[in-house]
C-alpha atoms as a PDB file:
ATOM      1  CA  UNK A   1      15.071   4.363  -3.400  1.00  0.00           C
ATOM      2  CA  UNK A   2      15.271   4.835   0.426  1.00  0.00           C
ATOM      3  CA  UNK A   3      16.620   2.557   3.223  1.00  0.00           C
ATOM      4  CA  UNK A   4      13.189   2.608   3.920  1.00  0.00           C
ATOM      5  CA  UNK A   5      11.536   1.661   0.762  1.00  0.00           C
ATOM      6  CA  UNK A   6      14.101  -1.136  -0.045  1.00  0.00           C
ATOM      7  CA  UNK A   7      12.425  -3.284   2.434  1.00  0.00           C
ATOM      8  CA  UNK A   8      15.125  -4.737   4.118  1.00  0.00           C
ATOM      9  CA  UNK A   9      14.796  -3.597   7.882  1.00  0.00           C
ATOM     10  CA  UNK A  10      18.399  -1.913   9.302  1.00  0.00           C
ATOM     11  CA  UNK A  11      18.283  -1.394  12.504  1.00  0.00           C
ATOM     12  CA  UNK A  12      20.706   1.583  12.277  1.00  0.00           C
ATOM     13  CA  UNK A  13      19.002   4.028  10.109  1.00  0.00           C
ATOM     14  CA  UNK A  14      19.197   7.038  10.854  1.00  0.00           C
ATOM     15  CA  UNK A  15      15.969   9.424  11.248  1.00  0.00           C
ATOM     16  CA  UNK A  16      15.251  12.623   9.062  1.00  0.00           C
ATOM     17  CA  UNK A  17      11.823  13.622   9.951  1.00  0.00           C
ATOM     18  CA  UNK A  18      11.154  12.240  13.358  1.00  0.00           C
ATOM     19  CA  UNK A  19      12.542  12.927  16.923  1.00  0.00           C
ATOM     20  CA  UNK A  20      13.540   9.535  18.353  1.00  0.00           C
ATOM     21  CA  UNK A  21      14.685   8.991  21.894  1.00  0.00           C
ATOM     22  CA  UNK A  22      14.941   6.112  23.876  1.00  0.00           C
ATOM     23  CA  UNK A  23      13.498   5.309  27.160  1.00  0.00           C
ATOM     24  CA  UNK A  24      15.213   2.105  28.206  1.00  0.00           C
ATOM     25  CA  UNK A  25      18.174   0.285  27.050  1.00  0.00           C
ATOM     26  CA  UNK A  26      16.048  -2.560  25.237  1.00  0.00           C
ATOM     27  CA  UNK A  27      12.465  -1.151  24.712  1.00  0.00           C
ATOM     28  CA  UNK A  28      10.622   2.117  24.475  1.00  0.00           C
ATOM     29  CA  UNK A  29      11.384   5.243  22.918  1.00  0.00           C
ATOM     30  CA  UNK A  30       9.590   9.048  22.653  1.00  0.00           C
ATOM     31  CA  UNK A  31       8.685  10.416  19.403  1.00  0.00           C
ATOM     32  CA  UNK A  32       8.740  13.853  19.111  1.00  0.00           C
ATOM     33  CA  UNK A  33       8.189  16.392  16.309  1.00  0.00           C
ATOM     34  CA  UNK A  34       5.232  14.816  15.189  1.00  0.00           C
ATOM     35  CA  UNK A  35       1.029  15.391  15.615  1.00  0.00           C
ATOM     36  CA  UNK A  36      -0.540  12.397  15.022  1.00  0.00           C
ATOM     37  CA  UNK A  37      -3.778  12.442  12.024  1.00  0.00           C
ATOM     38  CA  UNK A  38      -4.333  10.320   8.808  1.00  0.00           C
ATOM     39  CA  UNK A  39      -2.566  13.657   6.748  1.00  0.00           C
ATOM     40  CA  UNK A  40       1.142  12.571   7.599  1.00  0.00           C
ATOM     41  CA  UNK A  41       3.768  12.144   4.642  1.00  0.00           C
ATOM     42  CA  UNK A  42       4.903   9.242   3.415  1.00  0.00           C
ATOM     43  CA  UNK A  43       8.442   9.485   4.603  1.00  0.00           C
ATOM     44  CA  UNK A  44       7.017  10.112   8.140  1.00  0.00           C
ATOM     45  CA  UNK A  45       5.206   7.432   8.441  1.00  0.00           C
ATOM     46  CA  UNK A  46       7.920   4.705   6.691  1.00  0.00           C
ATOM     47  CA  UNK A  47      10.192   6.285   9.715  1.00  0.00           C
ATOM     48  CA  UNK A  48       7.336   6.164  12.462  1.00  0.00           C
ATOM     49  CA  UNK A  49       6.932   2.604  11.395  1.00  0.00           C
ATOM     50  CA  UNK A  50      10.681   2.095  11.472  1.00  0.00           C
ATOM     51  CA  UNK A  51      10.889   3.173  15.143  1.00  0.00           C
ATOM     52  CA  UNK A  52       8.211   0.875  16.349  1.00  0.00           C
ATOM     53  CA  UNK A  53       9.888  -1.678  14.893  1.00  0.00           C
ATOM     54  CA  UNK A  54      13.024  -1.097  16.619  1.00  0.00           C
ATOM     55  CA  UNK A  55      11.940   0.134  20.184  1.00  0.00           C
ATOM     56  CA  UNK A  56       8.558  -1.889  20.078  1.00  0.00           C
ATOM     57  CA  UNK A  57       6.926   0.435  21.830  1.00  0.00           C
ATOM     58  CA  UNK A  58       6.920   4.134  20.893  1.00  0.00           C
ATOM     59  CA  UNK A  59       5.260   6.815  23.032  1.00  0.00           C
ATOM     60  CA  UNK A  60       4.436  10.147  21.919  1.00  0.00           C
ATOM     61  CA  UNK A  61       2.967  13.120  23.846  1.00  0.00           C
ATOM     62  CA  UNK A  62       0.788  16.107  23.589  1.00  0.00           C
ATOM     63  CA  UNK A  63      -2.051  14.635  21.194  1.00  0.00           C
ATOM     64  CA  UNK A  64      -4.950  16.217  23.161  1.00  0.00           C
ATOM     65  CA  UNK A  65      -7.034  17.071  20.351  1.00  0.00           C
ATOM     66  CA  UNK A  66      -6.786  13.687  18.636  1.00  0.00           C
ATOM     67  CA  UNK A  67     -10.450  12.570  18.077  1.00  0.00           C
ATOM     68  CA  UNK A  68     -11.268   8.995  18.111  1.00  0.00           C
ATOM     69  CA  UNK A  69     -11.667   9.106  14.102  1.00  0.00           C
ATOM     70  CA  UNK A  70      -8.393  11.000  13.682  1.00  0.00           C
ATOM     71  CA  UNK A  71      -6.743   7.922  15.698  1.00  0.00           C
ATOM     72  CA  UNK A  72      -8.726   5.974  13.027  1.00  0.00           C
ATOM     73  CA  UNK A  73      -7.111   7.783  10.483  1.00  0.00           C
ATOM     74  CA  UNK A  74      -3.877   7.587  11.440  1.00  0.00           C
ATOM     75  CA  UNK A  75      -4.056   3.773  12.317  1.00  0.00           C
ATOM     76  CA  UNK A  76      -5.019   3.106   8.466  1.00  0.00           C
ATOM     77  CA  UNK A  77      -1.712   4.566   7.555  1.00  0.00           C
ATOM     78  CA  UNK A  78      -0.100   1.153   9.440  1.00  0.00           C
ATOM     79  CA  UNK A  79      -2.647  -0.866   8.328  1.00  0.00           C
ATOM     80  CA  UNK A  80      -6.035  -1.906   8.372  1.00  0.00           C
ATOM     81  CA  UNK A  81      -7.962  -1.696  11.685  1.00  0.00           C
ATOM     82  CA  UNK A  82      -8.946  -5.090  12.901  1.00  0.00           C
ATOM     83  CA  UNK A  83     -11.820  -4.840  15.606  1.00  0.00           C
ATOM     84  CA  UNK A  84     -12.318  -7.422  18.192  1.00  0.00           C
ATOM     85  CA  UNK A  85     -14.697 -10.290  17.773  1.00  0.00           C
ATOM     86  CA  UNK A  86     -16.502  -9.942  21.437  1.00  0.00           C
ATOM     87  CA  UNK A  87     -15.587  -6.797  22.795  1.00  0.00           C
ATOM     88  CA  UNK A  88     -18.555  -4.019  21.591  1.00  0.00           C
ATOM     89  CA  UNK A  89     -17.138  -0.637  19.823  1.00  0.00           C
ATOM     90  CA  UNK A  90     -17.181   2.867  20.965  1.00  0.00           C
ATOM     91  CA  UNK A  91     -20.967   4.662  19.803  1.00  0.00           C
ATOM     92  CA  UNK A  92     -19.825   6.891  16.629  1.00  0.00           C
ATOM     93  CA  UNK A  93     -16.753   5.145  15.621  1.00  0.00           C
ATOM     94  CA  UNK A  94     -15.793   2.073  13.496  1.00  0.00           C
ATOM     95  CA  UNK A  95     -12.898   0.783  15.011  1.00  0.00           C
ATOM     96  CA  UNK A  96     -12.234   1.896  18.191  1.00  0.00           C
ATOM     97  CA  UNK A  97     -12.647   0.151  22.237  1.00  0.00           C
ATOM     98  CA  UNK A  98     -13.265   2.402  25.039  1.00  0.00           C
ATOM     99  CA  UNK A  99     -10.888   1.285  27.641  1.00  0.00           C
ATOM    100  CA  UNK A 100     -12.438   2.092  30.699  1.00  0.00           C
ATOM    101  CA  UNK A 101     -11.658   1.211  34.133  1.00  0.00           C
ATOM    102  CA  UNK A 102     -15.181   0.991  35.309  1.00  0.00           C
ATOM    103  CA  UNK A 103     -15.446  -1.861  32.595  1.00  0.00           C
ATOM    104  CA  UNK A 104     -12.458  -3.954  34.028  1.00  0.00           C
ATOM    105  CA  UNK A 105      -8.462  -3.733  34.210  1.00  0.00           C
ATOM    106  CA  UNK A 106      -6.043  -5.448  32.283  1.00  0.00           C
ATOM    107  CA  UNK A 107      -3.517  -6.006  34.769  1.00  0.00           C
ATOM    108  CA  UNK A 108      -2.212  -9.377  33.424  1.00  0.00           C
ATOM    109  CA  UNK A 109       0.594  -9.712  31.409  1.00  0.00           C
ATOM    110  CA  UNK A 110      -0.829 -10.431  27.270  1.00  0.00           C
ATOM    111  CA  UNK A 111      -0.496  -9.658  24.026  1.00  0.00           C
ATOM    112  CA  UNK A 112      -3.587  -8.573  22.373  1.00  0.00           C
ATOM    113  CA  UNK A 113      -6.163 -10.694  21.242  1.00  0.00           C
ATOM    114  CA  UNK A 114      -3.646 -13.854  20.543  1.00  0.00           C
ATOM    115  CA  UNK A 115      -6.465 -15.937  20.247  1.00  0.00           C
ATOM    116  CA  UNK A 116      -7.077 -15.136  16.807  1.00  0.00           C
ATOM    117  CA  UNK A 117      -5.042 -16.453  14.043  1.00  0.00           C
ATOM    118  CA  UNK A 118      -3.920 -13.290  12.984  1.00  0.00           C
ATOM    119  CA  UNK A 119      -3.548 -11.566  16.412  1.00  0.00           C
ATOM    120  CA  UNK A 120      -2.900  -7.665  15.645  1.00  0.00           C
ATOM    121  CA  UNK A 121       0.469  -6.681  14.678  1.00  0.00           C
ATOM    122  CA  UNK A 122       0.033  -3.419  16.243  1.00  0.00           C
ATOM    123  CA  UNK A 123      -2.051  -1.144  18.989  1.00  0.00           C
ATOM    124  CA  UNK A 124      -2.551   2.220  19.529  1.00  0.00           C
ATOM    125  CA  UNK A 125      -3.974   3.552  22.856  1.00  0.00           C
ATOM    126  CA  UNK A 126      -4.481   7.052  23.619  1.00  0.00           C
ATOM    127  CA  UNK A 127      -5.310   8.300  26.983  1.00  0.00           C
ATOM    128  CA  UNK A 128      -8.304  10.157  27.552  1.00  0.00           C
ATOM    129  CA  UNK A 129      -8.465  10.456  31.572  1.00  0.00           C
ATOM    130  CA  UNK A 130      -5.725   9.438  33.844  1.00  0.00           C
ATOM    131  CA  UNK A 131      -5.823   8.973  37.585  1.00  0.00           C
ATOM    132  CA  UNK A 132      -3.792  11.458  39.706  1.00  0.00           C
ATOM    133  CA  UNK A 133      -1.646   8.810  41.057  1.00  0.00           C
ATOM    134  CA  UNK A 134      -0.744   5.316  39.264  1.00  0.00           C
ATOM    135  CA  UNK A 135      -2.246   3.920  36.569  1.00  0.00           C
ATOM    136  CA  UNK A 136       0.779   2.924  34.283  1.00  0.00           C
ATOM    137  CA  UNK A 137       0.893   0.587  32.218  1.00  0.00           C
ATOM    138  CA  UNK A 138       4.314  -1.689  31.246  1.00  0.00           C
ATOM    139  CA  UNK A 139       5.590  -3.620  28.253  1.00  0.00           C
ATOM    140  CA  UNK A 140       8.071  -6.087  28.028  1.00  0.00           C
ATOM    141  CA  UNK A 141      10.453  -6.655  24.903  1.00  0.00           C
ATOM    142  CA  UNK A 142       9.311 -10.562  23.788  1.00  0.00           C
ATOM    143  CA  UNK A 143      12.673 -10.473  21.354  1.00  0.00           C
ATOM    144  CA  UNK A 144      15.209  -9.678  23.962  1.00  0.00           C
ATOM    145  CA  UNK A 145      13.369 -12.657  26.162  1.00  0.00           C
ATOM    146  CA  UNK A 146      14.151 -15.114  23.326  1.00  0.00           C
ATOM    147  CA  UNK A 147      17.821 -13.903  22.671  1.00  0.00           C
ATOM    148  CA  UNK A 148      18.477 -14.229  26.695  1.00  0.00           C
ATOM    149  CA  UNK A 149      17.537 -17.785  26.584  1.00  0.00           C
ATOM    150  CA  UNK A 150      20.500 -20.722  27.088  1.00  0.00           C
ATOM    151  CA  UNK A 151      20.883 -22.061  23.217  1.00  0.00           C
ATOM    152  CA  UNK A 152      19.363 -25.880  24.738  1.00  0.00           C
ATOM    153  CA  UNK A 153      16.225 -23.539  25.968  1.00  0.00           C
ATOM    154  CA  UNK A 154      15.777 -21.740  22.332  1.00  0.00           C
ATOM    155  CA  UNK A 155      15.896 -25.007  20.869  1.00  0.00           C
ATOM    156  CA  UNK A 156      13.276 -26.290  23.273  1.00  0.00           C
ATOM    157  CA  UNK A 157      10.827 -23.318  22.689  1.00  0.00           C
ATOM    158  CA  UNK A 158      11.345 -23.244  18.640  1.00  0.00           C
ATOM    159  CA  UNK A 159       9.774 -26.885  18.625  1.00  0.00           C
ATOM    160  CA  UNK A 160       6.363 -25.943  21.300  1.00  0.00           C
ATOM    161  CA  UNK A 161       3.330 -24.620  19.917  1.00  0.00           C
ATOM    162  CA  UNK A 162       0.639 -23.789  22.709  1.00  0.00           C
ATOM    163  CA  UNK A 163      -3.059 -23.176  22.445  1.00  0.00           C
ATOM    164  CA  UNK A 164      -4.643 -19.653  22.619  1.00  0.00           C
ATOM    165  CA  UNK A 165      -8.433 -19.064  24.124  1.00  0.00           C
ATOM    166  CA  UNK A 166     -10.817 -16.253  24.431  1.00  0.00           C
ATOM    167  CA  UNK A 167     -11.916 -18.279  27.314  1.00  0.00           C
ATOM    168  CA  UNK A 168      -9.387 -16.492  29.634  1.00  0.00           C
ATOM    169  CA  UNK A 169     -10.363 -13.201  30.420  1.00  0.00           C
ATOM    170  CA  UNK A 170      -7.274 -10.954  31.738  1.00  0.00           C
ATOM    171  CA  UNK A 171      -9.484  -7.932  32.777  1.00  0.00           C
ATOM    172  CA  UNK A 172     -10.448  -7.643  36.796  1.00  0.00           C
ATOM    173  CA  UNK A 173     -13.697  -7.083  37.050  1.00  0.00           C
ATOM    174  CA  UNK A 174     -14.581  -3.597  38.734  1.00  0.00           C
ATOM    175  CA  UNK A 175     -18.034  -3.316  39.613  1.00  0.00           C
ATOM    176  CA  UNK A 176     -21.241  -5.572  39.774  1.00  0.00           C
ATOM    177  CA  UNK A 177     -22.353  -4.313  35.816  1.00  0.00           C
ATOM    178  CA  UNK A 178     -19.012  -5.648  34.655  1.00  0.00           C
ATOM    179  CA  UNK A 179     -20.488  -9.507  34.674  1.00  0.00           C
ATOM    180  CA  UNK A 180     -22.207  -8.855  31.219  1.00  0.00           C
ATOM    181  CA  UNK A 181     -19.317  -7.811  29.629  1.00  0.00           C
ATOM    182  CA  UNK A 182     -16.946 -10.606  31.176  1.00  0.00           C
ATOM    183  CA  UNK A 183     -20.175 -12.892  29.680  1.00  0.00           C
ATOM    184  CA  UNK A 184     -19.771 -11.584  26.288  1.00  0.00           C
ATOM    185  CA  UNK A 185     -16.148 -11.321  26.344  1.00  0.00           C
ATOM    186  CA  UNK A 186     -15.507 -15.265  26.764  1.00  0.00           C
ATOM    187  CA  UNK A 187     -19.053 -16.689  25.042  1.00  0.00           C
ATOM    188  CA  UNK A 188     -19.656 -14.430  22.013  1.00  0.00           C
ATOM    189  CA  UNK A 189     -16.928 -16.256  20.062  1.00  0.00           C
ATOM    190  CA  UNK A 190     -15.071 -19.566  20.786  1.00  0.00           C
ATOM    191  CA  UNK A 191     -12.081 -19.012  19.194  1.00  0.00           C
ATOM    192  CA  UNK A 192      -8.493 -21.423  19.774  1.00  0.00           C
ATOM    193  CA  UNK A 193      -5.658 -21.192  17.807  1.00  0.00           C
ATOM    194  CA  UNK A 194      -2.460 -22.814  18.174  1.00  0.00           C
ATOM    195  CA  UNK A 195       0.565 -20.926  18.089  1.00  0.00           C
ATOM    196  CA  UNK A 196       4.143 -21.447  17.763  1.00  0.00           C
ATOM    197  CA  UNK A 197       5.887 -20.472  20.564  1.00  0.00           C
ATOM    198  CA  UNK A 198       8.921 -19.080  18.587  1.00  0.00           C
ATOM    199  CA  UNK A 199       7.343 -16.340  15.701  1.00  0.00           C
ATOM    200  CA  UNK A 200       9.240 -15.245  13.236  1.00  0.00           C
ATOM    201  CA  UNK A 201       8.906 -11.659  13.119  1.00  0.00           C
ATOM    202  CA  UNK A 202       7.409 -10.384   9.068  1.00  0.00           C
ATOM    203  CA  UNK A 203       9.910  -7.265   8.742  1.00  0.00           C
ATOM    204  CA  UNK A 204      12.824  -7.618  10.930  1.00  0.00           C
ATOM    205  CA  UNK A 205      13.221 -11.425  10.919  1.00  0.00           C
ATOM    206  CA  UNK A 206      13.361 -11.408  14.723  1.00  0.00           C
ATOM    207  CA  UNK A 207      12.580 -14.150  16.643  1.00  0.00           C
ATOM    208  CA  UNK A 208      10.479 -13.886  19.753  1.00  0.00           C
ATOM    209  CA  UNK A 209       7.922 -15.820  22.072  1.00  0.00           C
ATOM    210  CA  UNK A 210       4.387 -15.730  21.642  1.00  0.00           C
ATOM    211  CA  UNK A 211       2.707 -16.341  24.909  1.00  0.00           C
ATOM    212  CA  UNK A 212       0.678 -14.264  27.585  1.00  0.00           C
ATOM    213  CA  UNK A 213      -2.565 -14.985  29.514  1.00  0.00           C
ATOM    214  CA  UNK A 214      -4.382 -16.443  26.455  1.00  0.00           C
ATOM    215  CA  UNK A 215      -2.561 -19.140  26.541  1.00  0.00           C
ATOM    216  CA  UNK A 216      -4.776 -22.471  27.204  1.00  0.00           C
ATOM    217  CA  UNK A 217      -2.438 -24.977  27.332  1.00  0.00           C
ATOM    218  CA  UNK A 218       0.615 -26.691  25.235  1.00  0.00           C
ATOM    219  CA  UNK A 219       0.036 -28.795  22.399  1.00  0.00           C
ATOM    220  CA  UNK A 220       1.334 -32.404  23.311  1.00  0.00           C
ATOM    221  CA  UNK A 221       1.883 -31.913  27.444  1.00  0.00           C
ATOM    222  CA  UNK A 222      -0.536 -31.941  30.350  1.00  0.00           C
ATOM    223  CA  UNK A 223      -2.188 -29.068  31.948  1.00  0.00           C
ATOM    224  CA  UNK A 224       0.499 -29.460  34.764  1.00  0.00           C
ATOM    225  CA  UNK A 225       3.152 -29.992  32.348  1.00  0.00           C
ATOM    226  CA  UNK A 226       2.242 -26.746  30.023  1.00  0.00           C
ATOM    227  CA  UNK A 227       2.071 -24.926  33.514  1.00  0.00           C
ATOM    228  CA  UNK A 228       5.226 -25.524  34.536  1.00  0.00           C
ATOM    229  CA  UNK A 229       6.210 -24.612  31.180  1.00  0.00           C
ATOM    230  CA  UNK A 230       4.379 -21.704  30.812  1.00  0.00           C
ATOM    231  CA  UNK A 231       5.986 -20.179  34.016  1.00  0.00           C
ATOM    232  CA  UNK A 232       9.372 -20.569  32.711  1.00  0.00           C
ATOM    233  CA  UNK A 233       9.038 -18.676  29.589  1.00  0.00           C
ATOM    234  CA  UNK A 234       6.678 -16.478  31.479  1.00  0.00           C
ATOM    235  CA  UNK A 235       8.949 -15.222  33.629  1.00  0.00           C
ATOM    236  CA  UNK A 236      11.995 -15.067  31.199  1.00  0.00           C
ATOM    237  CA  UNK A 237       9.521 -12.271  29.274  1.00  0.00           C
ATOM    238  CA  UNK A 238       8.876 -10.276  32.346  1.00  0.00           C
ATOM    239  CA  UNK A 239      12.452 -10.065  33.446  1.00  0.00           C
ATOM    240  CA  UNK A 240      12.948  -6.026  34.475  1.00  0.00           C
ATOM    241  CA  UNK A 241      15.750  -5.561  31.874  1.00  0.00           C
ATOM    242  CA  UNK A 242      13.017  -6.422  29.470  1.00  0.00           C
ATOM    243  CA  UNK A 243      10.665  -4.020  30.700  1.00  0.00           C
ATOM    244  CA  UNK A 244       9.417  -0.303  30.216  1.00  0.00           C
ATOM    245  CA  UNK A 245       7.103   1.390  32.139  1.00  0.00           C
ATOM    246  CA  UNK A 246       5.183   4.793  31.324  1.00  0.00           C
ATOM    247  CA  UNK A 247       3.545   7.005  33.483  1.00  0.00           C
ATOM    248  CA  UNK A 248       0.352   8.281  31.582  1.00  0.00           C
ATOM    249  CA  UNK A 249      -0.782  11.763  30.877  1.00  0.00           C
ATOM    250  CA  UNK A 250      -3.610  13.074  28.962  1.00  0.00           C
ATOM    251  CA  UNK A 251      -3.371  12.857  25.412  1.00  0.00           C
ATOM    252  CA  UNK A 252      -0.433  10.573  25.514  1.00  0.00           C
ATOM    253  CA  UNK A 253      -0.221   8.039  23.029  1.00  0.00           C
ATOM    254  CA  UNK A 254       1.609   4.667  22.653  1.00  0.00           C
ATOM    255  CA  UNK A 255       1.940   2.906  20.092  1.00  0.00           C
ATOM    256  CA  UNK A 256       3.387  -1.196  20.314  1.00  0.00           C
ATOM    257  CA  UNK A 257       4.163  -4.300  17.993  1.00  0.00           C
ATOM    258  CA  UNK A 258       2.096  -6.694  19.110  1.00  0.00           C
ATOM    259  CA  UNK A 259       4.078  -9.017  17.734  1.00  0.00           C
ATOM    260  CA  UNK A 260       7.045  -8.648  19.510  1.00  0.00           C
ATOM    261  CA  UNK A 261       5.828  -7.337  23.032  1.00  0.00           C
ATOM    262  CA  UNK A 262       3.492  -8.568  26.257  1.00  0.00           C
ATOM    263  CA  UNK A 263       1.968  -5.695  28.404  1.00  0.00           C
ATOM    264  CA  UNK A 264      -0.248  -4.885  31.022  1.00  0.00           C
ATOM    265  CA  UNK A 265      -1.809  -1.793  33.309  1.00  0.00           C
ATOM    266  CA  UNK A 266      -0.754  -1.529  36.741  1.00  0.00           C
ATOM    267  CA  UNK A 267      -3.945  -1.773  39.041  1.00  0.00           C
ATOM    268  CA  UNK A 268      -2.752   0.615  42.034  1.00  0.00           C
ATOM    269  CA  UNK A 269      -5.035   3.832  41.327  1.00  0.00           C
ATOM    270  CA  UNK A 270      -8.255   2.578  43.899  1.00  0.00           C
ATOM    271  CA  UNK A 271     -11.556   4.366  42.827  1.00  0.00           C
ATOM    272  CA  UNK A 272      -9.720   6.950  40.143  1.00  0.00           C
ATOM    273  CA  UNK A 273     -10.873   6.730  36.591  1.00  0.00           C
ATOM    274  CA  UNK A 274      -8.703   5.896  33.990  1.00  0.00           C
ATOM    275  CA  UNK A 275     -10.250   5.747  30.242  1.00  0.00           C
ATOM    276  CA  UNK A 276      -8.409   5.400  26.723  1.00  0.00           C
ATOM    277  CA  UNK A 277      -9.708   4.682  23.008  1.00  0.00           C
ATOM    278  CA  UNK A 278      -7.916   2.205  21.466  1.00  0.00           C
ATOM    279  CA  UNK A 279      -7.054   0.675  18.001  1.00  0.00           C
ATOM    280  CA  UNK A 280      -5.682  -2.497  16.708  1.00  0.00           C
ATOM    281  CA  UNK A 281      -3.973  -3.126  13.554  1.00  0.00           C
ATOM    282  CA  UNK A 282      -4.537  -6.368  11.457  1.00  0.00           C
ATOM    283  CA  UNK A 283      -1.757  -9.001  11.990  1.00  0.00           C
ATOM    284  CA  UNK A 284      -0.512 -11.817  10.106  1.00  0.00           C
ATOM    285  CA  UNK A 285      -0.593 -15.557  10.627  1.00  0.00           C
ATOM    286  CA  UNK A 286       2.578 -16.331  13.032  1.00  0.00           C
ATOM    287  CA  UNK A 287       4.888 -18.758  10.665  1.00  0.00           C
ATOM    288  CA  UNK A 288       7.258 -20.508  13.334  1.00  0.00           C
ATOM    289  CA  UNK A 289      11.293 -21.372  12.485  1.00  0.00           C
ATOM    290  CA  UNK A 290      10.515 -23.743  10.214  1.00  0.00           C
ATOM    291  CA  UNK A 291       8.136 -21.633   8.308  1.00  0.00           C
ATOM    292  CA  UNK A 292       5.087 -23.484   9.465  1.00  0.00           C
ATOM    293  CA  UNK A 293       1.999 -21.404  10.437  1.00  0.00           C
ATOM    294  CA  UNK A 294      -0.517 -20.786  13.021  1.00  0.00           C
ATOM    295  CA  UNK A 295      -3.797 -23.636  12.873  1.00  0.00           C
ATOM    296  CA  UNK A 296      -6.906 -22.237  13.933  1.00  0.00           C
ATOM    297  CA  UNK A 297      -8.636 -24.949  16.418  1.00  0.00           C
ATOM    298  CA  UNK A 298     -11.677 -23.658  17.156  1.00  0.00           C
ATOM    299  CA  UNK A 299     -13.357 -20.509  15.421  1.00  0.00           C
ATOM    300  CA  UNK A 300     -17.636 -20.681  16.755  1.00  0.00           C
ATOM    301  CA  UNK A 301     -19.649 -17.507  16.710  1.00  0.00           C
ATOM    302  CA  UNK A 302     -22.845 -17.559  19.241  1.00  0.00           C
ATOM    303  CA  UNK A 303     -23.161 -13.680  18.964  1.00  0.00           C
ATOM    304  CA  UNK A 304     -23.520 -10.767  16.489  1.00  0.00           C
ATOM    305  CA  UNK A 305     -21.704  -7.804  18.732  1.00  0.00           C
ATOM    306  CA  UNK A 306     -22.387  -5.526  15.691  1.00  0.00           C
ATOM    307  CA  UNK A 307     -25.564  -3.728  16.983  1.00  0.00           C
ATOM    308  CA  UNK A 308     -23.699  -3.515  20.825  1.00  0.00           C
ATOM    309  CA  UNK A 309     -22.001  -0.637  21.925  1.00  0.00           C
ATOM    310  CA  UNK A 310     -19.697  -0.127  24.815  1.00  0.00           C
ATOM    311  CA  UNK A 311     -18.739   2.793  27.260  1.00  0.00           C
ATOM    312  CA  UNK A 312     -18.192   4.128  30.842  1.00  0.00           C
ATOM    313  CA  UNK A 313     -18.079   0.509  31.529  1.00  0.00           C
ATOM    314  CA  UNK A 314     -21.099  -0.700  30.474  1.00  0.00           C
ATOM    315  CA  UNK A 315     -22.597  -2.408  27.110  1.00  0.00           C
ATOM    316  CA  UNK A 316     -26.096  -1.200  25.319  1.00  0.00           C
ATOM    317  CA  UNK A 317     -27.542  -1.493  21.936  1.00  0.00           C
ATOM    318  CA  UNK A 318     -26.586   0.864  19.401  1.00  0.00           C
ATOM    319  CA  UNK A 319     -29.180   3.328  19.231  1.00  0.00           C
ATOM    320  CA  UNK A 320     -30.887   3.140  15.370  1.00  0.00           C
END
């Protein structure tokens, strides 16, 4: 049995099948010597997942030949793909979203889909069209953010539970035809989940802060008190020491541990086009330091989006 097959996370494991180069001191690594596909050996996948756990976000260059369906096949090696409940898929795919700047720009710090109880454990984003200048993405390490808190603030954080809701749309609109997408995002489902502010990572045992801009309020606190607490902990997460920034090139793929990070796009590229393909992997229900799980407060489906598709910033019905 290898170190990776023992189900015990060892941060000092030495990679044998992939090359891993850290990007910053706290978050991010570039992986080379690999071509992503659904046919990777288990030993390679295990090491890839280890690097993801250790560095929180990993980058793979030169994947221009990877198609949407091959990206989905690779995603299935990491877990079960999870579709967004209120954003239509890209036509011809089973699990892929087209992230197109003509449809909005996710330029606010967030963790993907935290209004769900089992929000994604990982996200895979492949660049298809990159602006000549700008359009970077930044990620923040929510584990080191927790670790840097004073013992008193750690204790407070471990006692807090926060309600996350899809009523917040983090994507800045770009163009009149996005109103339909924004409305659909907020109304196709109405989901609210109460998560612990501090969750225990199911694979590493690390503690991390669960926040970002799907946050609605802290349970037991007034809106004004909730906002002040949010600002306190959110500012801690996005300290420069916790952050890595990636300059996209066509064919770059970023995969991040959505249980241990926040991210945002940098909206600095004017009218240039920016397109990526995204697949998310189903996560587990978070538990707090006492083992108490997250709780669903509301889960209402108002619109069936299964026959809708989204591409080039517009939404349309799937061809029969």
